[in-house]
């Protein structure tokens, strides 16, 4: 590739070569006109006469006898994925220079530990569907209910246990505090835009999950998103006949992740962490009803105001280009 201050660009090289070959202009005269050396003019004229392109040739050598062999490269990659070692440690184990180990990691696109899944040790394979509605991720986030007076995260273990004991509920046994139950947050996320929909319920049954799906599809349709496919894990609600029939009625293709492979549904798993930090445990709620009442406002803030790195540091809603009234 020619540098920024090159005297002869590919177009100028073609002009030079045509002057010498086609118009028979002396090489010295052409070199003086274009302010370059006569061997340069001669070289491009010869390439033009031979029918070769006027672009730069690769500077890669034909032979690389000192190149790291495939066995060493494979060992570096295997150690990186299995033990998450850095270039210095890899160099000590494989007998190469740290710079060589780093170059191998860069070439294999695993030079950053964030590119390697911590749970499986495999390279992270990221994907994103091209249009909104091409894929919706669905899942359920299970949270413990907040006792009256506040949970232990904000009031401490001792006071939290007293609050739990004072909150009406069914005891597990005489040796345990009352079981207050759980909140099941049913979440739906559009793969392309990251726009999210969520409802909180007291269970994760097929009836509840199916109702959430139908309302979510309607909610997304009101924002110009036509749902084509939905991806879930292998929970009992998503394997039920009721869920299957609902997907058929809605003309949605249903896919499930591979067992024990939550990374496939990673977008919604990551959203659950954001949900827990931004809403579930964001402040001291005095009761469970107060927390549930705050969910709608947080979802609105997430969709319309919170910058998202996957959306170019803009809110997810900005990826929807056909919202009603957007251009009025």
C-alpha atoms as a PDB file:
ATOM      1  CA  UNK A   1       0.000   0.000   0.000  1.00  0.00           C
ATOM      2  CA  UNK A   2       1.401   3.371  -1.020  1.00  0.00           C
ATOM      3  CA  UNK A   3       2.052   5.898   1.736  1.00  0.00           C
ATOM      4  CA  UNK A   4       0.205   9.208   2.066  1.00  0.00           C
ATOM      5  CA  UNK A   5       2.971  11.255   0.391  1.00  0.00           C
ATOM      6  CA  UNK A   6       3.685   8.874  -2.493  1.00  0.00           C
ATOM      7  CA  UNK A   7       4.561  10.670  -5.721  1.00  0.00           C
ATOM      8  CA  UNK A   8       2.881   8.032  -7.865  1.00  0.00           C
ATOM      9  CA  UNK A   9      -0.577   6.789  -6.953  1.00  0.00           C
ATOM     10  CA  UNK A  10      -1.990   3.838  -8.937  1.00  0.00           C
ATOM     11  CA  UNK A  11      -3.685   6.288 -11.331  1.00  0.00           C
ATOM     12  CA  UNK A  12      -0.466   8.288 -11.813  1.00  0.00           C
ATOM     13  CA  UNK A  13       1.501   5.060 -12.387  1.00  0.00           C
ATOM     14  CA  UNK A  14      -0.872   4.135 -15.179  1.00  0.00           C
ATOM     15  CA  UNK A  15      -0.375   7.574 -16.781  1.00  0.00           C
ATOM     16  CA  UNK A  16       3.413   7.204 -16.518  1.00  0.00           C
ATOM     17  CA  UNK A  17       3.368   3.728 -18.034  1.00  0.00           C
ATOM     18  CA  UNK A  18       1.137   4.788 -20.946  1.00  0.00           C
ATOM     19  CA  UNK A  19       3.430   7.730 -21.755  1.00  0.00           C
ATOM     20  CA  UNK A  20       6.432   5.397 -21.999  1.00  0.00           C
ATOM     21  CA  UNK A  21       4.830   2.343 -23.619  1.00  0.00           C
ATOM     22  CA  UNK A  22       2.050   3.780 -25.785  1.00  0.00           C
ATOM     23  CA  UNK A  23       3.355   7.262 -26.655  1.00  0.00           C
ATOM     24  CA  UNK A  24       7.086   6.361 -26.694  1.00  0.00           C
ATOM     25  CA  UNK A  25       8.064   9.314 -24.490  1.00  0.00           C
ATOM     26  CA  UNK A  26      11.669   8.893 -23.190  1.00  0.00           C
ATOM     27  CA  UNK A  27      11.884   7.518 -19.643  1.00  0.00           C
ATOM     28  CA  UNK A  28      14.138  10.382 -18.475  1.00  0.00           C
ATOM     29  CA  UNK A  29      11.632  12.968 -19.673  1.00  0.00           C
ATOM     30  CA  UNK A  30       8.711  11.218 -17.952  1.00  0.00           C
ATOM     31  CA  UNK A  31      10.747  10.909 -14.727  1.00  0.00           C
ATOM     32  CA  UNK A  32      11.516  14.639 -14.780  1.00  0.00           C
ATOM     33  CA  UNK A  33       7.888  15.513 -15.458  1.00  0.00           C
ATOM     34  CA  UNK A  34       6.586  13.435 -12.518  1.00  0.00           C
ATOM     35  CA  UNK A  35       9.575  14.217 -10.272  1.00  0.00           C
ATOM     36  CA  UNK A  36      10.584  10.632  -9.590  1.00  0.00           C
ATOM     37  CA  UNK A  37      13.583   8.423 -10.348  1.00  0.00           C
ATOM     38  CA  UNK A  38      13.929   6.893 -13.801  1.00  0.00           C
ATOM     39  CA  UNK A  39      14.158   3.278 -12.402  1.00  0.00           C
ATOM     40  CA  UNK A  40      10.698   3.847 -10.900  1.00  0.00           C
ATOM     41  CA  UNK A  41       9.284   4.906 -14.269  1.00  0.00           C
ATOM     42  CA  UNK A  42      10.952   1.946 -15.943  1.00  0.00           C
ATOM     43  CA  UNK A  43       9.515  -0.483 -13.363  1.00  0.00           C
ATOM     44  CA  UNK A  44       5.910   0.674 -13.801  1.00  0.00           C
ATOM     45  CA  UNK A  45       6.266   0.774 -17.587  1.00  0.00           C
ATOM     46  CA  UNK A  46       7.504  -2.825 -17.551  1.00  0.00           C
ATOM     47  CA  UNK A  47       4.578  -3.933 -15.385  1.00  0.00           C
ATOM     48  CA  UNK A  48       2.133  -2.162 -17.700  1.00  0.00           C
ATOM     49  CA  UNK A  49       3.671  -3.799 -20.750  1.00  0.00           C
ATOM     50  CA  UNK A  50       3.368  -7.219 -19.057  1.00  0.00           C
ATOM     51  CA  UNK A  51      -0.307  -6.618 -18.243  1.00  0.00           C
ATOM     52  CA  UNK A  52       0.256  -6.497 -14.485  1.00  0.00           C
ATOM     53  CA  UNK A  53      -1.788  -4.265 -12.131  1.00  0.00           C
ATOM     54  CA  UNK A  54      -0.527  -0.853 -11.087  1.00  0.00           C
ATOM     55  CA  UNK A  55      -1.096  -1.552  -7.395  1.00  0.00           C
ATOM     56  CA  UNK A  56       1.483  -2.394  -4.742  1.00  0.00           C
ATOM     57  CA  UNK A  57       2.500  -6.003  -4.335  1.00  0.00           C
ATOM     58  CA  UNK A  58       2.385  -7.692  -0.975  1.00  0.00           C
ATOM     59  CA  UNK A  59       5.553  -7.319   1.079  1.00  0.00           C
ATOM     60  CA  UNK A  60       4.995 -10.715   2.673  1.00  0.00           C
ATOM     61  CA  UNK A  61       8.002 -12.978   2.055  1.00  0.00           C
ATOM     62  CA  UNK A  62       7.533 -16.173   0.061  1.00  0.00           C
ATOM     63  CA  UNK A  63       9.196 -18.205   2.800  1.00  0.00           C
ATOM     64  CA  UNK A  64       9.181 -17.695   6.590  1.00  0.00           C
ATOM     65  CA  UNK A  65      11.571 -20.264   8.070  1.00  0.00           C
ATOM     66  CA  UNK A  66      11.390 -18.661  11.546  1.00  0.00           C
ATOM     67  CA  UNK A  67       7.577 -18.702  11.698  1.00  0.00           C
ATOM     68  CA  UNK A  68       6.103 -20.283  14.832  1.00  0.00           C
ATOM     69  CA  UNK A  69       5.191 -23.881  13.997  1.00  0.00           C
ATOM     70  CA  UNK A  70       1.622 -25.116  14.194  1.00  0.00           C
ATOM     71  CA  UNK A  71       2.246 -27.361  17.201  1.00  0.00           C
ATOM     72  CA  UNK A  72       3.553 -24.465  19.298  1.00  0.00           C
ATOM     73  CA  UNK A  73       0.724 -22.226  18.129  1.00  0.00           C
ATOM     74  CA  UNK A  74      -1.813 -24.875  19.082  1.00  0.00           C
ATOM     75  CA  UNK A  75      -0.261 -25.292  22.524  1.00  0.00           C
ATOM     76  CA  UNK A  76      -0.312 -21.525  23.144  1.00  0.00           C
ATOM     77  CA  UNK A  77      -3.987 -21.359  22.203  1.00  0.00           C
ATOM     78  CA  UNK A  78      -4.890 -24.419  24.290  1.00  0.00           C
ATOM     79  CA  UNK A  79      -3.136 -23.078  27.383  1.00  0.00           C
ATOM     80  CA  UNK A  80      -4.798 -19.692  26.914  1.00  0.00           C
ATOM     81  CA  UNK A  81      -8.271 -21.192  26.714  1.00  0.00           C
ATOM     82  CA  UNK A  82      -7.778 -23.721  29.501  1.00  0.00           C
ATOM     83  CA  UNK A  83      -5.768 -21.730  32.057  1.00  0.00           C
ATOM     84  CA  UNK A  84      -6.323 -18.110  30.925  1.00  0.00           C
ATOM     85  CA  UNK A  85      -2.586 -17.363  31.073  1.00  0.00           C
ATOM     86  CA  UNK A  86      -0.893 -14.186  29.830  1.00  0.00           C
ATOM     87  CA  UNK A  87       1.888 -13.916  27.209  1.00  0.00           C
ATOM     88  CA  UNK A  88       4.723 -14.054  29.773  1.00  0.00           C
ATOM     89  CA  UNK A  89       3.416 -17.256  31.367  1.00  0.00           C
ATOM     90  CA  UNK A  90       2.659 -18.781  27.960  1.00  0.00           C
ATOM     91  CA  UNK A  91       6.176 -17.965  26.771  1.00  0.00           C
ATOM     92  CA  UNK A  92       7.708 -19.731  29.784  1.00  0.00           C
ATOM     93  CA  UNK A  93       5.661 -22.875  29.131  1.00  0.00           C
ATOM     94  CA  UNK A  94       6.106 -23.041  25.353  1.00  0.00           C
ATOM     95  CA  UNK A  95       9.683 -21.811  24.948  1.00  0.00           C
ATOM     96  CA  UNK A  96       8.931 -18.757  22.798  1.00  0.00           C
ATOM     97  CA  UNK A  97       9.365 -15.044  23.407  1.00  0.00           C
ATOM     98  CA  UNK A  98       6.498 -13.194  25.150  1.00  0.00           C
ATOM     99  CA  UNK A  99       6.110 -11.029  22.058  1.00  0.00           C
ATOM    100  CA  UNK A 100       5.684 -14.174  19.963  1.00  0.00           C
ATOM    101  CA  UNK A 101       3.049 -15.521  22.337  1.00  0.00           C
ATOM    102  CA  UNK A 102       1.186 -12.210  22.212  1.00  0.00           C
ATOM    103  CA  UNK A 103       1.361 -12.165  18.420  1.00  0.00           C
ATOM    104  CA  UNK A 104      -0.159 -15.660  18.286  1.00  0.00           C
ATOM    105  CA  UNK A 105      -2.966 -14.616  20.634  1.00  0.00           C
ATOM    106  CA  UNK A 106      -3.671 -11.531  18.547  1.00  0.00           C
ATOM    107  CA  UNK A 107      -3.727 -13.530  15.318  1.00  0.00           C
ATOM    108  CA  UNK A 108      -6.203 -15.976  16.884  1.00  0.00           C
ATOM    109  CA  UNK A 109      -8.300 -13.079  18.295  1.00  0.00           C
ATOM    110  CA  UNK A 110      -8.000 -14.200  21.900  1.00  0.00           C
ATOM    111  CA  UNK A 111      -5.471 -11.592  23.032  1.00  0.00           C
ATOM    112  CA  UNK A 112      -7.992 -10.160  25.509  1.00  0.00           C
ATOM    113  CA  UNK A 113      -9.423 -12.294  28.289  1.00  0.00           C
ATOM    114  CA  UNK A 114     -12.824 -10.755  27.657  1.00  0.00           C
ATOM    115  CA  UNK A 115     -12.767 -12.602  24.314  1.00  0.00           C
ATOM    116  CA  UNK A 116     -12.680 -15.930  26.198  1.00  0.00           C
ATOM    117  CA  UNK A 117     -15.749 -17.146  28.051  1.00  0.00           C
ATOM    118  CA  UNK A 118     -14.903 -17.538  31.736  1.00  0.00           C
ATOM    119  CA  UNK A 119     -17.258 -20.471  32.308  1.00  0.00           C
ATOM    120  CA  UNK A 120     -16.355 -22.648  29.324  1.00  0.00           C
ATOM    121  CA  UNK A 121     -12.906 -21.373  28.309  1.00  0.00           C
ATOM    122  CA  UNK A 122     -14.052 -21.112  24.689  1.00  0.00           C
ATOM    123  CA  UNK A 123     -13.725 -18.029  22.452  1.00  0.00           C
ATOM    124  CA  UNK A 124     -16.748 -15.765  22.711  1.00  0.00           C
ATOM    125  CA  UNK A 125     -18.742 -15.812  19.476  1.00  0.00           C
ATOM    126  CA  UNK A 126     -20.864 -12.695  19.266  1.00  0.00           C
ATOM    127  CA  UNK A 127     -23.789 -12.290  16.919  1.00  0.00           C
ATOM    128  CA  UNK A 128     -26.508  -9.761  16.227  1.00  0.00           C
ATOM    129  CA  UNK A 129     -29.499 -10.094  13.945  1.00  0.00           C
ATOM    130  CA  UNK A 130     -29.753  -7.458  11.253  1.00  0.00           C
ATOM    131  CA  UNK A 131     -33.332  -6.288  11.837  1.00  0.00           C
ATOM    132  CA  UNK A 132     -35.595  -5.714  14.857  1.00  0.00           C
ATOM    133  CA  UNK A 133     -37.930  -8.619  15.514  1.00  0.00           C
ATOM    134  CA  UNK A 134     -35.744 -11.207  13.789  1.00  0.00           C
ATOM    135  CA  UNK A 135     -35.109 -12.741  17.212  1.00  0.00           C
ATOM    136  CA  UNK A 136     -36.513 -12.129  20.688  1.00  0.00           C
ATOM    137  CA  UNK A 137     -34.741 -13.521  23.751  1.00  0.00           C
ATOM    138  CA  UNK A 138     -37.012 -14.648  26.603  1.00  0.00           C
ATOM    139  CA  UNK A 139     -36.122 -15.767  30.114  1.00  0.00           C
ATOM    140  CA  UNK A 140     -37.102 -15.478  33.786  1.00  0.00           C
ATOM    141  CA  UNK A 141     -35.079 -13.784  36.534  1.00  0.00           C
ATOM    142  CA  UNK A 142     -35.818 -15.103  40.015  1.00  0.00           C
ATOM    143  CA  UNK A 143     -35.443 -12.676  42.943  1.00  0.00           C
ATOM    144  CA  UNK A 144     -36.209 -13.073  46.614  1.00  0.00           C
ATOM    145  CA  UNK A 145     -39.102 -10.935  47.801  1.00  0.00           C
ATOM    146  CA  UNK A 146     -38.290  -7.848  49.880  1.00  0.00           C
ATOM    147  CA  UNK A 147     -39.557  -8.128  53.479  1.00  0.00           C
ATOM    148  CA  UNK A 148     -41.498  -5.307  55.079  1.00  0.00           C
ATOM    149  CA  UNK A 149     -38.959  -2.821  56.441  1.00  0.00           C
ATOM    150  CA  UNK A 150     -36.191  -3.642  53.945  1.00  0.00           C
ATOM    151  CA  UNK A 151     -33.895  -6.482  53.017  1.00  0.00           C
ATOM    152  CA  UNK A 152     -30.554  -7.486  54.540  1.00  0.00           C
ATOM    153  CA  UNK A 153     -28.507  -5.853  51.772  1.00  0.00           C
ATOM    154  CA  UNK A 154     -29.378  -2.411  53.164  1.00  0.00           C
ATOM    155  CA  UNK A 155     -30.412  -2.947  56.772  1.00  0.00           C
ATOM    156  CA  UNK A 156     -27.906  -5.680  57.687  1.00  0.00           C
ATOM    157  CA  UNK A 157     -28.274  -9.374  58.380  1.00  0.00           C
ATOM    158  CA  UNK A 158     -29.697  -9.090  61.885  1.00  0.00           C
ATOM    159  CA  UNK A 159     -32.362  -6.506  61.049  1.00  0.00           C
ATOM    160  CA  UNK A 160     -33.066  -8.239  57.758  1.00  0.00           C
ATOM    161  CA  UNK A 161     -33.825 -11.518  59.580  1.00  0.00           C
ATOM    162  CA  UNK A 162     -36.138  -9.677  61.954  1.00  0.00           C
ATOM    163  CA  UNK A 163     -37.934  -8.071  59.023  1.00  0.00           C
ATOM    164  CA  UNK A 164     -38.371 -11.441  57.356  1.00  0.00           C
ATOM    165  CA  UNK A 165     -39.716 -12.966  60.546  1.00  0.00           C
ATOM    166  CA  UNK A 166     -42.217 -10.125  60.926  1.00  0.00           C
ATOM    167  CA  UNK A 167     -43.418 -10.340  57.315  1.00  0.00           C
ATOM    168  CA  UNK A 168     -46.372 -12.706  56.853  1.00  0.00           C
ATOM    169  CA  UNK A 169     -45.389 -15.935  55.147  1.00  0.00           C
ATOM    170  CA  UNK A 170     -45.372 -19.708  55.374  1.00  0.00           C
ATOM    171  CA  UNK A 171     -42.488 -21.199  57.426  1.00  0.00           C
ATOM    172  CA  UNK A 172     -40.306 -23.840  55.780  1.00  0.00           C
ATOM    173  CA  UNK A 173     -39.810 -25.528  59.162  1.00  0.00           C
ATOM    174  CA  UNK A 174     -39.540 -24.585  62.820  1.00  0.00           C
ATOM    175  CA  UNK A 175     -35.777 -24.081  62.351  1.00  0.00           C
ATOM    176  CA  UNK A 176     -36.057 -21.599  59.452  1.00  0.00           C
ATOM    177  CA  UNK A 177     -37.302 -18.098  58.982  1.00  0.00           C
ATOM    178  CA  UNK A 178     -40.620 -17.742  57.177  1.00  0.00           C
ATOM    179  CA  UNK A 179     -40.450 -18.404  53.461  1.00  0.00           C
ATOM    180  CA  UNK A 180     -41.646 -15.214  51.808  1.00  0.00           C
ATOM    181  CA  UNK A 181     -41.578 -16.530  48.277  1.00  0.00           C
ATOM    182  CA  UNK A 182     -39.922 -15.147  45.168  1.00  0.00           C
ATOM    183  CA  UNK A 183     -40.519 -12.612  42.437  1.00  0.00           C
ATOM    184  CA  UNK A 184     -40.240 -13.980  38.901  1.00  0.00           C
ATOM    185  CA  UNK A 185     -39.332 -11.285  36.388  1.00  0.00           C
ATOM    186  CA  UNK A 186     -40.308 -12.439  32.882  1.00  0.00           C
ATOM    187  CA  UNK A 187     -38.110 -10.559  30.417  1.00  0.00           C
ATOM    188  CA  UNK A 188     -38.158 -10.236  26.628  1.00  0.00           C
ATOM    189  CA  UNK A 189     -35.375  -8.506  24.657  1.00  0.00           C
ATOM    190  CA  UNK A 190     -35.103  -7.744  20.960  1.00  0.00           C
ATOM    191  CA  UNK A 191     -31.767  -9.076  19.702  1.00  0.00           C
ATOM    192  CA  UNK A 192     -31.019  -6.238  17.268  1.00  0.00           C
ATOM    193  CA  UNK A 193     -32.132  -3.141  19.167  1.00  0.00           C
ATOM    194  CA  UNK A 194     -31.807  -4.429  22.800  1.00  0.00           C
ATOM    195  CA  UNK A 195     -35.219  -2.905  23.532  1.00  0.00           C
ATOM    196  CA  UNK A 196     -36.597  -4.734  26.575  1.00  0.00           C
ATOM    197  CA  UNK A 197     -40.020  -5.702  27.929  1.00  0.00           C
ATOM    198  CA  UNK A 198     -40.535  -7.092  31.430  1.00  0.00           C
ATOM    199  CA  UNK A 199     -43.292  -8.145  33.823  1.00  0.00           C
ATOM    200  CA  UNK A 200     -42.949  -9.386  37.406  1.00  0.00           C
ATOM    201  CA  UNK A 201     -45.124 -12.283  38.630  1.00  0.00           C
ATOM    202  CA  UNK A 202     -45.347 -14.742  41.503  1.00  0.00           C
ATOM    203  CA  UNK A 203     -44.627 -17.821  39.374  1.00  0.00           C
ATOM    204  CA  UNK A 204     -42.978 -19.041  36.184  1.00  0.00           C
ATOM    205  CA  UNK A 205     -45.665 -21.400  34.952  1.00  0.00           C
ATOM    206  CA  UNK A 206     -46.475 -21.956  31.292  1.00  0.00           C
ATOM    207  CA  UNK A 207     -49.694 -19.965  31.643  1.00  0.00           C
ATOM    208  CA  UNK A 208     -47.854 -16.935  32.975  1.00  0.00           C
ATOM    209  CA  UNK A 209     -44.966 -17.200  30.475  1.00  0.00           C
ATOM    210  CA  UNK A 210     -47.385 -17.564  27.560  1.00  0.00           C
ATOM    211  CA  UNK A 211     -49.365 -14.517  28.660  1.00  0.00           C
ATOM    212  CA  UNK A 212     -46.163 -12.481  28.902  1.00  0.00           C
ATOM    213  CA  UNK A 213     -45.166 -13.572  25.399  1.00  0.00           C
ATOM    214  CA  UNK A 214     -48.496 -12.526  23.890  1.00  0.00           C
ATOM    215  CA  UNK A 215     -48.408  -9.130  25.593  1.00  0.00           C
ATOM    216  CA  UNK A 216     -44.774  -8.617  24.660  1.00  0.00           C
ATOM    217  CA  UNK A 217     -45.433  -9.354  20.981  1.00  0.00           C
ATOM    218  CA  UNK A 218     -48.274  -6.822  21.045  1.00  0.00           C
ATOM    219  CA  UNK A 219     -46.048  -4.279  22.821  1.00  0.00           C
ATOM    220  CA  UNK A 220     -43.272  -4.694  20.250  1.00  0.00           C
ATOM    221  CA  UNK A 221     -45.776  -4.531  17.365  1.00  0.00           C
ATOM    222  CA  UNK A 222     -46.963  -1.149  18.631  1.00  0.00           C
ATOM    223  CA  UNK A 223     -43.373   0.026  18.154  1.00  0.00           C
ATOM    224  CA  UNK A 224     -43.083  -1.284  14.602  1.00  0.00           C
ATOM    225  CA  UNK A 225     -41.409  -4.609  15.440  1.00  0.00           C
ATOM    226  CA  UNK A 226     -42.822  -7.759  13.869  1.00  0.00           C
ATOM    227  CA  UNK A 227     -41.667 -10.785  15.845  1.00  0.00           C
ATOM    228  CA  UNK A 228     -40.342 -13.627  13.707  1.00  0.00           C
ATOM    229  CA  UNK A 229     -38.518 -15.905  16.123  1.00  0.00           C
ATOM    230  CA  UNK A 230     -38.123 -16.370  19.862  1.00  0.00           C
ATOM    231  CA  UNK A 231     -35.222 -17.997  21.723  1.00  0.00           C
ATOM    232  CA  UNK A 232     -35.563 -19.502  25.202  1.00  0.00           C
ATOM    233  CA  UNK A 233     -33.821 -21.948  27.500  1.00  0.00           C
ATOM    234  CA  UNK A 234     -35.173 -25.425  28.285  1.00  0.00           C
ATOM    235  CA  UNK A 235     -37.401 -24.426  31.196  1.00  0.00           C
ATOM    236  CA  UNK A 236     -40.607 -26.379  31.666  1.00  0.00           C
ATOM    237  CA  UNK A 237     -42.750 -23.404  30.627  1.00  0.00           C
ATOM    238  CA  UNK A 238     -40.969 -23.186  27.277  1.00  0.00           C
ATOM    239  CA  UNK A 239     -41.299 -26.926  26.649  1.00  0.00           C
ATOM    240  CA  UNK A 240     -45.030 -26.962  27.303  1.00  0.00           C
ATOM    241  CA  UNK A 241     -47.773 -27.517  24.733  1.00  0.00           C
ATOM    242  CA  UNK A 242     -49.311 -24.212  25.767  1.00  0.00           C
ATOM    243  CA  UNK A 243     -46.129 -22.342  24.786  1.00  0.00           C
ATOM    244  CA  UNK A 244     -45.912 -24.272  21.518  1.00  0.00           C
ATOM    245  CA  UNK A 245     -49.521 -23.456  20.631  1.00  0.00           C
ATOM    246  CA  UNK A 246     -49.014 -19.770  21.481  1.00  0.00           C
ATOM    247  CA  UNK A 247     -46.012 -19.554  19.148  1.00  0.00           C
ATOM    248  CA  UNK A 248     -48.070 -21.206  16.415  1.00  0.00           C
ATOM    249  CA  UNK A 249     -50.945 -18.744  16.896  1.00  0.00           C
ATOM    250  CA  UNK A 250     -48.512 -15.817  16.759  1.00  0.00           C
ATOM    251  CA  UNK A 251     -46.682 -17.236  13.700  1.00  0.00           C
ATOM    252  CA  UNK A 252     -43.405 -17.256  15.626  1.00  0.00           C
ATOM    253  CA  UNK A 253     -40.653 -19.823  15.252  1.00  0.00           C
ATOM    254  CA  UNK A 254     -39.465 -21.080  18.642  1.00  0.00           C
ATOM    255  CA  UNK A 255     -35.884 -22.188  19.300  1.00  0.00           C
ATOM    256  CA  UNK A 256     -34.296 -23.422  22.514  1.00  0.00           C
ATOM    257  CA  UNK A 257     -30.690 -23.176  23.648  1.00  0.00           C
ATOM    258  CA  UNK A 258     -28.508 -26.236  24.033  1.00  0.00           C
ATOM    259  CA  UNK A 259     -28.805 -27.739  27.558  1.00  0.00           C
ATOM    260  CA  UNK A 260     -26.349 -26.244  30.061  1.00  0.00           C
ATOM    261  CA  UNK A 261     -25.345 -23.583  27.542  1.00  0.00           C
ATOM    262  CA  UNK A 262     -26.762 -20.241  28.790  1.00  0.00           C
ATOM    263  CA  UNK A 263     -24.158 -18.321  26.749  1.00  0.00           C
ATOM    264  CA  UNK A 264     -26.365 -18.801  23.671  1.00  0.00           C
ATOM    265  CA  UNK A 265     -28.952 -16.610  25.370  1.00  0.00           C
ATOM    266  CA  UNK A 266     -26.220 -14.315  26.672  1.00  0.00           C
ATOM    267  CA  UNK A 267     -27.895 -11.011  25.783  1.00  0.00           C
ATOM    268  CA  UNK A 268     -30.759 -11.599  28.177  1.00  0.00           C
ATOM    269  CA  UNK A 269     -28.444 -13.081  30.815  1.00  0.00           C
ATOM    270  CA  UNK A 270     -26.423  -9.857  30.717  1.00  0.00           C
ATOM    271  CA  UNK A 271     -29.630  -7.830  30.829  1.00  0.00           C
ATOM    272  CA  UNK A 272     -30.603  -9.656  34.025  1.00  0.00           C
ATOM    273  CA  UNK A 273     -27.404  -8.431  35.667  1.00  0.00           C
ATOM    274  CA  UNK A 274     -28.192  -4.876  34.594  1.00  0.00           C
ATOM    275  CA  UNK A 275     -31.767  -5.366  35.836  1.00  0.00           C
ATOM    276  CA  UNK A 276     -30.586  -6.533  39.257  1.00  0.00           C
ATOM    277  CA  UNK A 277     -28.114  -3.665  39.622  1.00  0.00           C
ATOM    278  CA  UNK A 278     -30.334  -0.927  38.227  1.00  0.00           C
ATOM    279  CA  UNK A 279     -33.681  -1.979  39.690  1.00  0.00           C
ATOM    280  CA  UNK A 280     -33.727  -5.130  41.826  1.00  0.00           C
ATOM    281  CA  UNK A 281     -31.134  -4.028  44.386  1.00  0.00           C
ATOM    282  CA  UNK A 282     -30.636  -0.407  43.381  1.00  0.00           C
ATOM    283  CA  UNK A 283     -31.989   1.112  46.594  1.00  0.00           C
ATOM    284  CA  UNK A 284     -33.575   0.229  49.900  1.00  0.00           C
ATOM    285  CA  UNK A 285     -37.145  -0.820  49.149  1.00  0.00           C
ATOM    286  CA  UNK A 286     -39.370  -0.927  52.219  1.00  0.00           C
ATOM    287  CA  UNK A 287     -41.498  -3.757  50.823  1.00  0.00           C
ATOM    288  CA  UNK A 288     -41.866  -5.975  47.753  1.00  0.00           C
ATOM    289  CA  UNK A 289     -44.806  -3.975  46.399  1.00  0.00           C
ATOM    290  CA  UNK A 290     -42.638  -0.856  46.286  1.00  0.00           C
ATOM    291  CA  UNK A 291     -39.984  -2.612  44.235  1.00  0.00           C
ATOM    292  CA  UNK A 292     -42.487  -4.076  41.788  1.00  0.00           C
ATOM    293  CA  UNK A 293     -44.099  -0.681  41.315  1.00  0.00           C
ATOM    294  CA  UNK A 294     -40.709   0.755  40.282  1.00  0.00           C
ATOM    295  CA  UNK A 295     -40.117  -1.755  37.462  1.00  0.00           C
ATOM    296  CA  UNK A 296     -42.061   0.063  34.733  1.00  0.00           C
ATOM    297  CA  UNK A 297     -40.182   3.331  35.281  1.00  0.00           C
ATOM    298  CA  UNK A 298     -36.820   1.562  35.189  1.00  0.00           C
ATOM    299  CA  UNK A 299     -37.680  -0.282  31.958  1.00  0.00           C
ATOM    300  CA  UNK A 300     -38.648   3.048  30.376  1.00  0.00           C
ATOM    301  CA  UNK A 301     -35.370   4.608  31.529  1.00  0.00           C
ATOM    302  CA  UNK A 302     -33.432   1.623  30.144  1.00  0.00           C
ATOM    303  CA  UNK A 303     -35.115   1.738  26.728  1.00  0.00           C
ATOM    304  CA  UNK A 304     -35.303   5.501  26.204  1.00  0.00           C
ATOM    305  CA  UNK A 305     -32.523   7.141  28.215  1.00  0.00           C
ATOM    306  CA  UNK A 306     -29.777   4.733  29.339  1.00  0.00           C
ATOM    307  CA  UNK A 307     -26.803   4.621  26.906  1.00  0.00           C
ATOM    308  CA  UNK A 308     -26.032   1.109  25.654  1.00  0.00           C
ATOM    309  CA  UNK A 309     -22.554   0.220  24.386  1.00  0.00           C
ATOM    310  CA  UNK A 310     -23.972  -2.208  21.798  1.00  0.00           C
ATOM    311  CA  UNK A 311     -26.018   0.676  20.352  1.00  0.00           C
ATOM    312  CA  UNK A 312     -23.109   3.080  19.952  1.00  0.00           C
ATOM    313  CA  UNK A 313     -23.586   4.515  23.462  1.00  0.00           C
ATOM    314  CA  UNK A 314     -27.158   5.511  22.599  1.00  0.00           C
ATOM    315  CA  UNK A 315     -30.416   4.242  24.134  1.00  0.00           C
ATOM    316  CA  UNK A 316     -31.812   1.030  22.585  1.00  0.00           C
ATOM    317  CA  UNK A 317     -34.927   2.791  21.309  1.00  0.00           C
ATOM    318  CA  UNK A 318     -32.774   4.769  18.841  1.00  0.00           C
ATOM    319  CA  UNK A 319     -32.283   1.598  16.803  1.00  0.00           C
ATOM    320  CA  UNK A 320     -35.968   1.534  15.900  1.00  0.00           C
ATOM    321  CA  UNK A 321     -36.430   3.654  12.793  1.00  0.00           C
ATOM    322  CA  UNK A 322     -40.186   3.345  12.314  1.00  0.00           C
ATOM    323  CA  UNK A 323     -41.646   4.394  15.656  1.00  0.00           C
ATOM    324  CA  UNK A 324     -45.031   6.121  15.394  1.00  0.00           C
ATOM    325  CA  UNK A 325     -44.533   9.868  15.332  1.00  0.00           C
ATOM    326  CA  UNK A 326     -40.763   9.623  15.180  1.00  0.00           C
ATOM    327  CA  UNK A 327     -40.448  12.040  12.234  1.00  0.00           C
ATOM    328  CA  UNK A 328     -43.231  14.449  13.183  1.00  0.00           C
END
